[in-house]
Amino acid sequence: MQTVLPEADKAQLIPPPEMALVCESVGTAKARRDALTLLILGLLAGAFIALGANFMTVVLTGTADLPLGVARFLGGLAFSLGLILVIVGGAELFTGDALMIVAYAGRHITLAALLRAWALVYIGNIIGALATAGLVFLTGQYGFSSGEVGKTALAIASAKSALPATQMFFLAVLCNVLVCLAVWMSFGARSATDKIMVVVPPVAAFVAAGFEHSIANLYFLPLALAIKAWAGAEFWTALGQSPEAYSALTLAGAMRNIGVTTFGNLIGGSLMVGAIYWFVYLRNRPA
């Protein structure tokens, strides 16, 4: 049975078929941007996601006595700051830009243009996330609360580095299904408030579920590696630990994580969200 909405409600609603057209139009416009613009917007998005990851780390510090689901949900709420900044503030995030597949499927952009945009945005994301990790390390924030913030950062990254590759891949696929659903729903929003409201639940869900986001990991893993390598003796003394306690956290493990999660994120967002919505709403559209 179809629900008939009052006219006032219809004015606030962009239905999914029209969201698909918006997605297609946005993807086409992204592909036509010049290289420097894509790179800088990608840098901003990498930094924004890193700020959300930093917020999550601080919020998770001291939650060891909470049930796992509650702690992760709180962390997910904090992490959603990153995607809110990307969508409302304006930036280009590689994982969200997986939805550009809609413009490609509709033959509005070429494969070369799609790959060019993805590559430039991804490079920008890397720079932004790594730069933010470096700045956060230089603040000495990891030493806050007698080193507990740093301990949380090390625990998050160590767990990510130790994941088996197959598990990591599927965690990344599901992660970007939720990220791209958040971005997809934002195409139907009429205001900044609407955008925030549709972004937060999917992001909180993927963090709570323990899914893997490649751009966030470009912050989590380098920051933790820097702490492990360069934190002073006083930090380890305060924790009653040594760097050897985090043997799973290695550069090789971090690079493996980034490679696998990037591929998984791309599959999850482009094929399991973008391609499906194109097939449902746009495949039969007259040329």
C-alpha atoms as a PDB file:
ATOM      1  CA  MET A   1       0.000   0.000   0.000  1.00  0.00           C
ATOM      2  CA  GLN A   2       1.431   3.362  -1.023  1.00  0.00           C
ATOM      3  CA  THR A   3       1.476   6.125   1.559  1.00  0.00           C
ATOM      4  CA  VAL A   4       0.096   9.454   0.343  1.00  0.00           C
ATOM      5  CA  LEU A   5       2.071  12.327   1.833  1.00  0.00           C
ATOM      6  CA  PRO A   6       0.625  15.756   2.558  1.00  0.00           C
ATOM      7  CA  GLU A   7       1.862  18.486   0.202  1.00  0.00           C
ATOM      8  CA  ALA A   8       3.923  20.062   3.010  1.00  0.00           C
ATOM      9  CA  ASP A   9       5.804  16.790   3.499  1.00  0.00           C
ATOM     10  CA  LYS A  10       6.311  16.304  -0.231  1.00  0.00           C
ATOM     11  CA  ALA A  11       8.080  19.647  -0.340  1.00  0.00           C
ATOM     12  CA  GLN A  12      10.662  18.241   2.077  1.00  0.00           C
ATOM     13  CA  LEU A  13      11.211  14.957   0.302  1.00  0.00           C
ATOM     14  CA  ILE A  14      13.492  14.101  -2.613  1.00  0.00           C
ATOM     15  CA  PRO A  15      12.479  10.561  -3.643  1.00  0.00           C
ATOM     16  CA  PRO A  16      15.095   7.906  -4.505  1.00  0.00           C
ATOM     17  CA  PRO A  17      14.624   8.102  -8.304  1.00  0.00           C
ATOM     18  CA  GLU A  18      15.473  11.795  -8.172  1.00  0.00           C
ATOM     19  CA  MET A  19      18.344  11.074  -5.766  1.00  0.00           C
ATOM     20  CA  ALA A  20      19.779   8.826  -8.475  1.00  0.00           C
ATOM     21  CA  LEU A  21      19.707  11.737 -10.924  1.00  0.00           C
ATOM     22  CA  VAL A  22      21.417  13.985  -8.377  1.00  0.00           C
ATOM     23  CA  CYS A  23      24.063  11.315  -7.791  1.00  0.00           C
ATOM     24  CA  GLU A  24      24.670  11.039 -11.538  1.00  0.00           C
ATOM     25  CA  SER A  25      24.920  14.813 -11.931  1.00  0.00           C
ATOM     26  CA  VAL A  26      27.258  15.185  -8.962  1.00  0.00           C
ATOM     27  CA  GLY A  27      29.509  12.398 -10.241  1.00  0.00           C
ATOM     28  CA  THR A  28      29.694  14.023 -13.672  1.00  0.00           C
ATOM     29  CA  ALA A  29      30.638  17.383 -12.158  1.00  0.00           C
ATOM     30  CA  LYS A  30      33.338  15.789  -9.989  1.00  0.00           C
ATOM     31  CA  ALA A  31      34.973  14.118 -12.988  1.00  0.00           C
ATOM     32  CA  ARG A  32      35.169  17.466 -14.798  1.00  0.00           C
ATOM     33  CA  ARG A  33      37.002  19.287 -12.032  1.00  0.00           C
ATOM     34  CA  ASP A  34      40.605  20.241 -12.631  1.00  0.00           C
ATOM     35  CA  ALA A  35      43.329  18.135 -11.037  1.00  0.00           C
ATOM     36  CA  LEU A  36      44.421  20.675  -8.429  1.00  0.00           C
ATOM     37  CA  THR A  37      40.870  21.198  -7.185  1.00  0.00           C
ATOM     38  CA  LEU A  38      40.301  17.448  -6.824  1.00  0.00           C
ATOM     39  CA  LEU A  39      43.619  17.052  -5.033  1.00  0.00           C
ATOM     40  CA  ILE A  40      42.955  19.850  -2.532  1.00  0.00           C
ATOM     41  CA  LEU A  41      39.373  18.747  -1.871  1.00  0.00           C
ATOM     42  CA  GLY A  42      40.736  15.234  -1.362  1.00  0.00           C
ATOM     43  CA  LEU A  43      43.307  16.576   1.097  1.00  0.00           C
ATOM     44  CA  LEU A  44      40.536  18.294   3.061  1.00  0.00           C
ATOM     45  CA  ALA A  45      38.472  15.107   3.199  1.00  0.00           C
ATOM     46  CA  GLY A  46      41.455  13.087   4.433  1.00  0.00           C
ATOM     47  CA  ALA A  47      41.985  15.638   7.192  1.00  0.00           C
ATOM     48  CA  PHE A  48      38.266  15.719   8.054  1.00  0.00           C
ATOM     49  CA  ILE A  49      38.059  11.938   8.384  1.00  0.00           C
ATOM     50  CA  ALA A  50      41.238  11.999  10.487  1.00  0.00           C
ATOM     51  CA  LEU A  51      39.659  14.564  12.817  1.00  0.00           C
ATOM     52  CA  GLY A  52      36.657  12.282  13.229  1.00  0.00           C
ATOM     53  CA  ALA A  53      39.008   9.375  13.951  1.00  0.00           C
ATOM     54  CA  ASN A  54      40.829  11.470  16.531  1.00  0.00           C
ATOM     55  CA  PHE A  55      37.527  12.391  18.183  1.00  0.00           C
ATOM     56  CA  MET A  56      36.590   8.711  18.256  1.00  0.00           C
ATOM     57  CA  THR A  57      39.906   7.785  19.905  1.00  0.00           C
ATOM     58  CA  VAL A  58      39.422  10.321  22.682  1.00  0.00           C
ATOM     59  CA  VAL A  59      35.803   9.281  23.255  1.00  0.00           C
ATOM     60  CA  LEU A  60      36.757   5.587  23.490  1.00  0.00           C
ATOM     61  CA  THR A  61      39.438   6.318  26.075  1.00  0.00           C
ATOM     62  CA  GLY A  62      38.231   5.188  29.489  1.00  0.00           C
ATOM     63  CA  THR A  63      35.276   3.157  28.214  1.00  0.00           C
ATOM     64  CA  ALA A  64      36.763  -0.250  29.049  1.00  0.00           C
ATOM     65  CA  ASP A  65      34.073  -0.907  31.664  1.00  0.00           C
ATOM     66  CA  LEU A  66      31.208  -0.238  29.259  1.00  0.00           C
ATOM     67  CA  PRO A  67      29.593  -3.005  27.198  1.00  0.00           C
ATOM     68  CA  LEU A  68      31.394  -3.367  23.860  1.00  0.00           C
ATOM     69  CA  GLY A  69      28.398  -2.283  21.807  1.00  0.00           C
ATOM     70  CA  VAL A  70      27.795   0.834  23.879  1.00  0.00           C
ATOM     71  CA  ALA A  71      31.438   1.915  23.720  1.00  0.00           C
ATOM     72  CA  ARG A  72      31.635   1.359  19.973  1.00  0.00           C
ATOM     73  CA  PHE A  73      28.354   3.185  19.414  1.00  0.00           C
ATOM     74  CA  LEU A  74      29.708   6.213  21.272  1.00  0.00           C
ATOM     75  CA  GLY A  75      32.874   5.985  19.196  1.00  0.00           C
ATOM     76  CA  GLY A  76      30.790   5.807  16.029  1.00  0.00           C
ATOM     77  CA  LEU A  77      28.822   8.914  16.966  1.00  0.00           C
ATOM     78  CA  ALA A  78      32.107  10.752  17.437  1.00  0.00           C
ATOM     79  CA  PHE A  79      33.592   9.413  14.200  1.00  0.00           C
ATOM     80  CA  SER A  80      30.588  10.651  12.209  1.00  0.00           C
ATOM     81  CA  LEU A  81      32.073  14.138  12.598  1.00  0.00           C
ATOM     82  CA  GLY A  82      34.413  13.261   9.725  1.00  0.00           C
ATOM     83  CA  LEU A  83      31.749  12.487   7.125  1.00  0.00           C
ATOM     84  CA  ILE A  84      29.608  15.397   8.316  1.00  0.00           C
ATOM     85  CA  LEU A  85      32.524  17.743   7.629  1.00  0.00           C
ATOM     86  CA  VAL A  86      33.058  16.149   4.216  1.00  0.00           C
ATOM     87  CA  ILE A  87      29.422  16.434   3.115  1.00  0.00           C
ATOM     88  CA  VAL A  88      28.357  19.701   4.742  1.00  0.00           C
ATOM     89  CA  GLY A  89      31.747  21.421   4.592  1.00  0.00           C
ATOM     90  CA  GLY A  90      32.485  20.283   1.062  1.00  0.00           C
ATOM     91  CA  ALA A  91      35.340  17.896   0.252  1.00  0.00           C
ATOM     92  CA  GLU A  92      36.082  14.808  -1.841  1.00  0.00           C
ATOM     93  CA  LEU A  93      36.321  11.448  -0.100  1.00  0.00           C
ATOM     94  CA  PHE A  94      37.521   8.435  -2.064  1.00  0.00           C
ATOM     95  CA  THR A  95      35.140   6.032  -0.355  1.00  0.00           C
ATOM     96  CA  GLY A  96      32.101   8.240  -0.966  1.00  0.00           C
ATOM     97  CA  ASP A  97      33.225   8.949  -4.519  1.00  0.00           C
ATOM     98  CA  ALA A  98      32.777   5.267  -5.274  1.00  0.00           C
ATOM     99  CA  LEU A  99      29.249   6.440  -6.167  1.00  0.00           C
ATOM    100  CA  MET A 100      30.685   8.117  -9.268  1.00  0.00           C
ATOM    101  CA  ILE A 101      30.139   4.707 -10.849  1.00  0.00           C
ATOM    102  CA  VAL A 102      26.549   5.918 -11.414  1.00  0.00           C
ATOM    103  CA  ALA A 103      27.755   8.639 -13.801  1.00  0.00           C
ATOM    104  CA  TYR A 104      30.021   6.159 -15.565  1.00  0.00           C
ATOM    105  CA  ALA A 105      27.265   3.555 -15.925  1.00  0.00           C
ATOM    106  CA  GLY A 106      25.056   6.227 -17.477  1.00  0.00           C
ATOM    107  CA  ARG A 107      27.848   7.052 -19.968  1.00  0.00           C
ATOM    108  CA  HIS A 108      28.175  10.614 -18.738  1.00  0.00           C
ATOM    109  CA  ILE A 109      31.867  10.159 -17.976  1.00  0.00           C
ATOM    110  CA  THR A 110      34.524   7.893 -19.425  1.00  0.00           C
ATOM    111  CA  LEU A 111      36.420   5.200 -17.569  1.00  0.00           C
ATOM    112  CA  ALA A 112      39.563   7.309 -17.861  1.00  0.00           C
ATOM    113  CA  ALA A 113      37.814  10.291 -16.263  1.00  0.00           C
ATOM    114  CA  LEU A 114      36.468   8.095 -13.467  1.00  0.00           C
ATOM    115  CA  LEU A 115      39.862   6.579 -12.693  1.00  0.00           C
ATOM    116  CA  ARG A 116      41.541   9.991 -12.879  1.00  0.00           C
ATOM    117  CA  ALA A 117      39.122  11.442 -10.330  1.00  0.00           C
ATOM    118  CA  TRP A 118      39.437   8.461  -8.001  1.00  0.00           C
ATOM    119  CA  ALA A 119      43.254   8.572  -8.175  1.00  0.00           C
ATOM    120  CA  LEU A 120      43.521  12.305  -7.479  1.00  0.00           C
ATOM    121  CA  VAL A 121      41.029  12.197  -4.628  1.00  0.00           C
ATOM    122  CA  TYR A 122      42.726   9.153  -3.106  1.00  0.00           C
ATOM    123  CA  ILE A 123      46.135  10.823  -3.234  1.00  0.00           C
ATOM    124  CA  GLY A 124      44.634  13.915  -1.597  1.00  0.00           C
ATOM    125  CA  ASN A 125      43.012  11.762   1.091  1.00  0.00           C
ATOM    126  CA  ILE A 126      46.359  10.131   1.837  1.00  0.00           C
ATOM    127  CA  ILE A 127      48.100  13.490   2.202  1.00  0.00           C
ATOM    128  CA  GLY A 128      45.361  14.939   4.410  1.00  0.00           C
ATOM    129  CA  ALA A 129      45.127  11.913   6.700  1.00  0.00           C
ATOM    130  CA  LEU A 130      48.902  11.525   7.072  1.00  0.00           C
ATOM    131  CA  ALA A 131      49.420  15.243   7.694  1.00  0.00           C
ATOM    132  CA  THR A 132      46.739  15.227  10.377  1.00  0.00           C
ATOM    133  CA  ALA A 133      48.265  12.150  12.009  1.00  0.00           C
ATOM    134  CA  GLY A 134      51.617  13.939  12.068  1.00  0.00           C
ATOM    135  CA  LEU A 135      50.128  17.083  13.595  1.00  0.00           C
ATOM    136  CA  VAL A 136      48.254  15.111  16.246  1.00  0.00           C
ATOM    137  CA  PHE A 137      51.450  13.254  17.154  1.00  0.00           C
ATOM    138  CA  LEU A 138      53.316  16.552  17.500  1.00  0.00           C
ATOM    139  CA  THR A 139      50.661  17.861  19.913  1.00  0.00           C
ATOM    140  CA  GLY A 140      51.597  15.104  22.347  1.00  0.00           C
ATOM    141  CA  GLN A 141      47.910  14.321  22.762  1.00  0.00           C
ATOM    142  CA  TYR A 142      48.793  10.636  23.059  1.00  0.00           C
ATOM    143  CA  GLY A 143      50.195  11.426  26.517  1.00  0.00           C
ATOM    144  CA  PHE A 144      46.909  12.845  27.823  1.00  0.00           C
ATOM    145  CA  SER A 145      45.320  11.124  30.832  1.00  0.00           C
ATOM    146  CA  SER A 146      48.631   9.517  31.807  1.00  0.00           C
ATOM    147  CA  GLY A 147      49.028   8.058  28.330  1.00  0.00           C
ATOM    148  CA  GLU A 148      45.572   6.472  28.161  1.00  0.00           C
ATOM    149  CA  VAL A 149      44.702   8.306  24.918  1.00  0.00           C
ATOM    150  CA  GLY A 150      47.843   6.922  23.309  1.00  0.00           C
ATOM    151  CA  LYS A 151      47.059   3.470  24.642  1.00  0.00           C
ATOM    152  CA  THR A 152      43.641   3.610  22.971  1.00  0.00           C
ATOM    153  CA  ALA A 153      45.232   4.706  19.688  1.00  0.00           C
ATOM    154  CA  LEU A 154      47.726   1.842  19.884  1.00  0.00           C
ATOM    155  CA  ALA A 155      45.015  -0.714  20.672  1.00  0.00           C
ATOM    156  CA  ILE A 156      42.822   0.413  17.756  1.00  0.00           C
ATOM    157  CA  ALA A 157      45.660   0.285  15.244  1.00  0.00           C
ATOM    158  CA  SER A 158      47.168  -2.945  16.562  1.00  0.00           C
ATOM    159  CA  ALA A 159      43.843  -4.745  16.159  1.00  0.00           C
ATOM    160  CA  LYS A 160      43.498  -3.446  12.591  1.00  0.00           C
ATOM    161  CA  SER A 161      47.030  -4.465  11.647  1.00  0.00           C
ATOM    162  CA  ALA A 162      46.519  -8.003  12.943  1.00  0.00           C
ATOM    163  CA  LEU A 163      43.316  -8.774  11.009  1.00  0.00           C
ATOM    164  CA  PRO A 164      43.489 -11.644   8.486  1.00  0.00           C
ATOM    165  CA  ALA A 165      43.327 -10.324   4.922  1.00  0.00           C
ATOM    166  CA  THR A 166      40.068 -12.079   3.992  1.00  0.00           C
ATOM    167  CA  GLN A 167      38.270 -10.829   7.077  1.00  0.00           C
ATOM    168  CA  MET A 168      39.692  -7.352   6.502  1.00  0.00           C
ATOM    169  CA  PHE A 169      38.372  -7.324   2.929  1.00  0.00           C
ATOM    170  CA  PHE A 170      34.787  -8.165   3.846  1.00  0.00           C
ATOM    171  CA  LEU A 171      34.830  -5.743   6.787  1.00  0.00           C
ATOM    172  CA  ALA A 172      35.872  -3.076   4.270  1.00  0.00           C
ATOM    173  CA  VAL A 173      33.154  -4.063   1.769  1.00  0.00           C
ATOM    174  CA  LEU A 174      30.432  -3.691   4.383  1.00  0.00           C
ATOM    175  CA  CYS A 175      31.952  -0.490   5.714  1.00  0.00           C
ATOM    176  CA  ASN A 176      31.621   1.300   2.419  1.00  0.00           C
ATOM    177  CA  VAL A 177      28.145  -0.027   1.804  1.00  0.00           C
ATOM    178  CA  LEU A 178      27.132   1.994   4.861  1.00  0.00           C
ATOM    179  CA  VAL A 179      29.307   5.004   3.991  1.00  0.00           C
ATOM    180  CA  CYS A 180      27.885   5.186   0.471  1.00  0.00           C
ATOM    181  CA  LEU A 181      24.344   4.750   1.766  1.00  0.00           C
ATOM    182  CA  ALA A 182      24.988   7.753   4.004  1.00  0.00           C
ATOM    183  CA  VAL A 183      26.253   9.774   1.041  1.00  0.00           C
ATOM    184  CA  TRP A 184      23.383   8.507  -1.144  1.00  0.00           C
ATOM    185  CA  MET A 185      20.785   9.607   1.408  1.00  0.00           C
ATOM    186  CA  SER A 186      22.441  13.015   1.697  1.00  0.00           C
ATOM    187  CA  PHE A 187      21.508  13.568  -1.970  1.00  0.00           C
ATOM    188  CA  GLY A 188      17.896  13.585  -0.825  1.00  0.00           C
ATOM    189  CA  ALA A 189      18.452  16.144   1.927  1.00  0.00           C
ATOM    190  CA  ARG A 190      17.086  19.665   1.697  1.00  0.00           C
ATOM    191  CA  SER A 191      19.155  21.262   4.467  1.00  0.00           C
ATOM    192  CA  ALA A 192      22.367  20.908   6.441  1.00  0.00           C
ATOM    193  CA  THR A 193      20.358  19.486   9.326  1.00  0.00           C
ATOM    194  CA  ASP A 194      18.859  16.838   7.043  1.00  0.00           C
ATOM    195  CA  LYS A 195      22.316  15.886   5.794  1.00  0.00           C
ATOM    196  CA  ILE A 196      23.668  15.467   9.321  1.00  0.00           C
ATOM    197  CA  MET A 197      20.676  13.403  10.401  1.00  0.00           C
ATOM    198  CA  VAL A 198      21.051  10.909   7.541  1.00  0.00           C
ATOM    199  CA  VAL A 199      24.839  10.653   7.836  1.00  0.00           C
ATOM    200  CA  VAL A 200      25.184   9.839  11.534  1.00  0.00           C
ATOM    201  CA  PRO A 201      23.328   6.486  11.836  1.00  0.00           C
ATOM    202  CA  PRO A 202      25.146   4.608   9.020  1.00  0.00           C
ATOM    203  CA  VAL A 203      28.530   5.881  10.197  1.00  0.00           C
ATOM    204  CA  ALA A 204      27.818   5.000  13.823  1.00  0.00           C
ATOM    205  CA  ALA A 205      26.665   1.578  12.619  1.00  0.00           C
ATOM    206  CA  PHE A 206      29.839   0.737  10.712  1.00  0.00           C
ATOM    207  CA  VAL A 207      32.072   1.809  13.592  1.00  0.00           C
ATOM    208  CA  ALA A 208      29.999  -0.127  16.117  1.00  0.00           C
ATOM    209  CA  ALA A 209      30.143  -3.201  13.873  1.00  0.00           C
ATOM    210  CA  GLY A 210      33.934  -2.993  13.596  1.00  0.00           C
ATOM    211  CA  PHE A 211      34.006  -2.459   9.831  1.00  0.00           C
ATOM    212  CA  GLU A 212      37.142  -1.122   8.112  1.00  0.00           C
ATOM    213  CA  HIS A 213      37.461   2.303   6.464  1.00  0.00           C
ATOM    214  CA  SER A 214      40.639   2.760   4.424  1.00  0.00           C
ATOM    215  CA  ILE A 215      40.911   6.541   4.755  1.00  0.00           C
ATOM    216  CA  ALA A 216      40.348   6.454   8.510  1.00  0.00           C
ATOM    217  CA  ASN A 217      43.029   3.779   8.717  1.00  0.00           C
ATOM    218  CA  LEU A 218      45.421   6.171   6.966  1.00  0.00           C
ATOM    219  CA  TYR A 219      45.172   8.144  10.206  1.00  0.00           C
ATOM    220  CA  PHE A 220      44.858   5.396  12.817  1.00  0.00           C
ATOM    221  CA  LEU A 221      47.783   3.280  11.636  1.00  0.00           C
ATOM    222  CA  PRO A 222      50.443   5.968  10.980  1.00  0.00           C
ATOM    223  CA  LEU A 223      49.645   7.723  14.253  1.00  0.00           C
ATOM    224  CA  ALA A 224      50.014   4.510  16.222  1.00  0.00           C
ATOM    225  CA  LEU A 225      53.241   3.617  14.398  1.00  0.00           C
ATOM    226  CA  ALA A 226      54.626   7.052  15.295  1.00  0.00           C
ATOM    227  CA  ILE A 227      53.658   6.582  18.938  1.00  0.00           C
ATOM    228  CA  LYS A 228      55.266   3.139  19.010  1.00  0.00           C
ATOM    229  CA  ALA A 229      58.476   4.425  17.421  1.00  0.00           C
ATOM    230  CA  TRP A 230      58.919   7.862  18.960  1.00  0.00           C
ATOM    231  CA  ALA A 231      56.930   8.220  22.186  1.00  0.00           C
ATOM    232  CA  GLY A 232      59.272   8.990  25.062  1.00  0.00           C
ATOM    233  CA  ALA A 233      60.206   6.642  27.875  1.00  0.00           C
ATOM    234  CA  GLU A 234      57.906   8.547  30.238  1.00  0.00           C
ATOM    235  CA  PHE A 235      54.909   7.568  28.097  1.00  0.00           C
ATOM    236  CA  TRP A 236      55.710   3.858  28.329  1.00  0.00           C
ATOM    237  CA  THR A 237      56.504   4.151  32.040  1.00  0.00           C
ATOM    238  CA  ALA A 238      53.124   5.773  32.699  1.00  0.00           C
ATOM    239  CA  LEU A 239      51.414   2.886  30.884  1.00  0.00           C
ATOM    240  CA  GLY A 240      53.557   0.207  32.491  1.00  0.00           C
ATOM    241  CA  GLN A 241      54.207  -1.176  29.005  1.00  0.00           C
ATOM    242  CA  SER A 242      56.834  -1.225  26.291  1.00  0.00           C
ATOM    243  CA  PRO A 243      56.608  -0.983  22.474  1.00  0.00           C
ATOM    244  CA  GLU A 244      57.022  -4.761  22.320  1.00  0.00           C
ATOM    245  CA  ALA A 245      53.494  -5.097  23.726  1.00  0.00           C
ATOM    246  CA  TYR A 246      52.261  -4.079  20.260  1.00  0.00           C
ATOM    247  CA  SER A 247      54.198  -6.540  18.138  1.00  0.00           C
ATOM    248  CA  ALA A 248      51.287  -6.909  15.677  1.00  0.00           C
ATOM    249  CA  LEU A 249      51.560  -3.221  14.818  1.00  0.00           C
ATOM    250  CA  THR A 250      54.106  -3.030  11.993  1.00  0.00           C
ATOM    251  CA  LEU A 251      54.620  -0.966   8.867  1.00  0.00           C
ATOM    252  CA  ALA A 252      54.074  -4.055   6.722  1.00  0.00           C
ATOM    253  CA  GLY A 253      50.829  -4.840   8.533  1.00  0.00           C
ATOM    254  CA  ALA A 254      49.657  -1.256   8.133  1.00  0.00           C
ATOM    255  CA  MET A 255      50.374  -1.224   4.402  1.00  0.00           C
ATOM    256  CA  ARG A 256      48.602  -4.567   3.965  1.00  0.00           C
ATOM    257  CA  ASN A 257      45.580  -3.161   5.784  1.00  0.00           C
ATOM    258  CA  ILE A 258      45.436  -0.036   3.623  1.00  0.00           C
ATOM    259  CA  GLY A 259      45.745  -2.015   0.400  1.00  0.00           C
ATOM    260  CA  VAL A 260      43.098  -4.589   1.261  1.00  0.00           C
ATOM    261  CA  THR A 261      40.624  -2.128   2.781  1.00  0.00           C
ATOM    262  CA  THR A 262      40.933   0.272  -0.146  1.00  0.00           C
ATOM    263  CA  PHE A 263      39.952  -2.495  -2.568  1.00  0.00           C
ATOM    264  CA  GLY A 264      37.152  -3.719  -0.306  1.00  0.00           C
ATOM    265  CA  ASN A 265      35.780  -0.197   0.147  1.00  0.00           C
ATOM    266  CA  LEU A 266      35.764   0.347  -3.615  1.00  0.00           C
ATOM    267  CA  ILE A 267      33.869  -2.888  -4.260  1.00  0.00           C
ATOM    268  CA  GLY A 268      31.335  -2.243  -1.507  1.00  0.00           C
ATOM    269  CA  GLY A 269      30.554   1.334  -2.527  1.00  0.00           C
ATOM    270  CA  SER A 270      30.654   1.118  -6.303  1.00  0.00           C
ATOM    271  CA  LEU A 271      29.121  -2.295  -6.990  1.00  0.00           C
ATOM    272  CA  MET A 272      26.884  -2.889  -3.962  1.00  0.00           C
ATOM    273  CA  VAL A 273      25.417   0.609  -3.734  1.00  0.00           C
ATOM    274  CA  GLY A 274      26.107   2.767  -6.785  1.00  0.00           C
ATOM    275  CA  ALA A 275      25.699   0.111  -9.489  1.00  0.00           C
ATOM    276  CA  ILE A 276      22.573  -1.318  -7.884  1.00  0.00           C
ATOM    277  CA  TYR A 277      20.844   2.058  -7.622  1.00  0.00           C
ATOM    278  CA  TRP A 278      21.793   2.872 -11.213  1.00  0.00           C
ATOM    279  CA  PHE A 279      20.312  -0.471 -12.324  1.00  0.00           C
ATOM    280  CA  VAL A 280      17.096   0.097 -10.404  1.00  0.00           C
ATOM    281  CA  TYR A 281      16.410   3.726 -11.275  1.00  0.00           C
ATOM    282  CA  LEU A 282      18.404   4.738 -14.354  1.00  0.00           C
ATOM    283  CA  ARG A 283      19.079   1.784 -16.615  1.00  0.00           C
ATOM    284  CA  ASN A 284      15.872   2.171 -18.614  1.00  0.00           C
ATOM    285  CA  ARG A 285      16.019   5.926 -18.930  1.00  0.00           C
ATOM    286  CA  PRO A 286      15.711   7.127 -22.550  1.00  0.00           C
ATOM    287  CA  ALA A 287      19.039   8.263 -24.055  1.00  0.00           C
END
